[in-house]
């Protein structure tokens, strides 16, 4: 995995909720921190064989500045931490048990039913 100066956010480009969240990321003050890539981008995936498209279909992936890959709730917390939002100070607490366990369960539930959730564009 190559290093980058941005967090790479791999999301489902066919999911209105995922597109809505990444749309928000593209408008925030710290938007230059993120490279937003739909996992359906075959050029990106061909350069990164360690990324499994089947897993990307199930949950968001983030590649950090060191090339580490996080998924699901852990990825969302990494995005939140890098977003510059005033509430990002909560992230270290939410990464601790039992909060991260609950976050992972909630994320999996939302991810499973995300196509039924209407997200305003």
Protein backbone atom coordinates (compact mmCIF):
# COMPACT_ATOMS: atom_id res chain seq x y z
CA UNK A 1 0.00 0.00 0.00
CA UNK A 2 1.39 3.39 -0.91
CA UNK A 3 1.30 6.30 1.48
CA UNK A 4 -0.79 9.34 0.66
CA UNK A 5 -1.32 12.77 2.17
CA UNK A 6 -5.08 12.21 2.32
CA UNK A 7 -7.39 9.69 3.93
CA UNK A 8 -8.79 7.57 1.12
CA UNK A 9 -12.49 6.93 1.70
CA UNK A 10 -13.87 4.00 -0.31
CA UNK A 11 -17.64 4.11 -0.32
CA UNK A 12 -20.56 2.58 -2.22
CA UNK A 13 -21.28 4.92 -5.12
CA UNK A 14 -24.65 3.21 -5.66
CA UNK A 15 -25.92 3.94 -2.15
CA UNK A 16 -27.73 7.25 -1.61
CA UNK A 17 -26.81 7.36 2.08
CA UNK A 18 -23.11 6.72 1.32
CA UNK A 19 -23.12 9.35 -1.42
CA UNK A 20 -24.84 11.78 0.99
CA UNK A 21 -22.18 11.29 3.67
CA UNK A 22 -19.34 11.70 1.19
CA UNK A 23 -21.11 14.73 -0.25
CA UNK A 24 -20.99 16.27 3.22
CA UNK A 25 -17.28 15.43 3.45
CA UNK A 26 -16.65 17.20 0.14
CA UNK A 27 -18.18 20.43 1.52
CA UNK A 28 -16.57 20.70 4.97
CA UNK A 29 -13.67 23.01 5.81
CA UNK A 30 -11.17 20.14 6.03
CA UNK A 31 -12.35 18.50 2.79
CA UNK A 32 -8.82 18.39 1.38
CA UNK A 33 -8.00 15.75 4.00
CA UNK A 34 -10.10 13.22 2.08
CA UNK A 35 -9.84 11.47 -1.27
CA UNK A 36 -13.35 10.16 -1.92
CA UNK A 37 -13.44 7.11 -4.19
CA UNK A 38 -16.46 4.92 -4.98
CA UNK A 39 -15.33 1.31 -4.57
CA UNK A 40 -16.75 0.66 -8.05
CA UNK A 41 -13.76 2.62 -9.49
CA UNK A 42 -11.94 -0.22 -11.23
CA UNK A 43 -8.81 1.91 -11.87
CA UNK A 44 -8.34 2.45 -8.13
CA UNK A 45 -9.02 -1.19 -7.29
CA UNK A 46 -6.59 -2.42 -9.95
CA UNK A 47 -3.83 -0.37 -8.24
CA UNK A 48 -4.82 -1.76 -4.81
CA UNK A 49 -5.26 -5.53 -5.00
CA UNK A 50 -5.35 -5.73 -1.18
CA UNK A 51 -8.81 -4.12 -1.30
CA UNK A 52 -11.63 -6.66 -1.62
CA UNK A 53 -14.57 -5.16 -3.56
CA UNK A 54 -16.95 -7.63 -1.89
CA UNK A 55 -15.97 -6.24 1.52
CA UNK A 56 -16.29 -2.66 0.22
CA UNK A 57 -19.86 -3.45 -0.77
CA UNK A 58 -20.59 -4.36 2.87
CA UNK A 59 -18.83 -1.51 4.68
CA UNK A 60 -16.96 1.74 4.14
CA UNK A 61 -13.15 1.50 4.03
CA UNK A 62 -10.59 4.14 4.92
CA UNK A 63 -6.92 4.01 4.02
CA UNK A 64 -4.98 6.24 6.41
CA UNK A 65 -1.81 8.24 5.82
CA UNK A 66 0.36 5.24 6.73
CA UNK A 67 -1.53 2.89 4.39
CA UNK A 68 -3.51 1.11 7.13
CA UNK A 69 -7.02 0.04 6.21
CA UNK A 70 -9.95 0.47 8.60
CA UNK A 71 -13.51 -0.64 7.93
CA UNK A 72 -17.03 0.01 9.15
CA UNK A 73 -17.41 1.84 12.45
CA UNK A 74 -13.64 2.10 12.87
CA UNK A 75 -13.41 3.80 9.47
CA UNK A 76 -16.21 6.19 10.38
CA UNK A 77 -14.39 7.17 13.56
CA UNK A 78 -11.21 7.82 11.55
CA UNK A 79 -13.19 10.05 9.20
CA UNK A 80 -14.75 11.88 12.15
CA UNK A 81 -11.34 12.41 13.75
CA UNK A 82 -9.92 13.88 10.53
CA UNK A 83 -13.03 15.94 9.71
CA UNK A 84 -12.06 18.92 11.84
CA UNK A 85 -15.52 18.90 13.41
CA UNK A 86 -15.54 20.39 16.92
CA UNK A 87 -16.86 17.10 18.35
CA UNK A 88 -13.89 15.02 17.17
CA UNK A 89 -12.53 15.06 20.73
CA UNK A 90 -15.07 12.29 21.43
CA UNK A 91 -13.40 9.82 19.05
CA UNK A 92 -10.75 8.46 21.47
CA UNK A 93 -13.48 7.71 24.02
CA UNK A 94 -15.71 6.04 21.41
CA UNK A 95 -12.81 3.81 20.33
CA UNK A 96 -12.76 2.22 23.79
CA UNK A 97 -14.81 -0.79 24.89
CA UNK A 98 -17.75 -1.00 25.32
CA UNK A 99 -18.46 2.01 23.05
CA UNK A 100 -16.62 0.61 20.03
CA UNK A 101 -18.43 -2.72 20.41
CA UNK A 102 -21.77 -0.97 20.36
CA UNK A 103 -20.65 1.27 17.48
CA UNK A 104 -19.67 -1.75 15.41
CA UNK A 105 -23.04 -3.41 16.02
CA UNK A 106 -24.97 -0.24 15.14
CA UNK A 107 -22.81 0.28 12.03
CA UNK A 108 -23.42 -3.29 10.81
CA UNK A 109 -27.17 -2.87 11.30
CA UNK A 110 -27.24 0.44 9.40
CA UNK A 111 -24.95 -0.90 6.66
CA UNK A 112 -27.17 -3.92 6.18
CA UNK A 113 -30.31 -1.80 5.69
CA UNK A 114 -28.70 1.32 4.17
CA UNK A 115 -30.45 0.94 0.82
CA UNK A 116 -33.79 1.32 2.61
CA UNK A 117 -32.70 4.51 4.38
CA UNK A 118 -33.53 7.70 2.50
CA UNK A 119 -30.74 10.27 2.81
CA UNK A 120 -31.40 13.85 1.68
CA UNK A 121 -29.14 14.97 -1.14
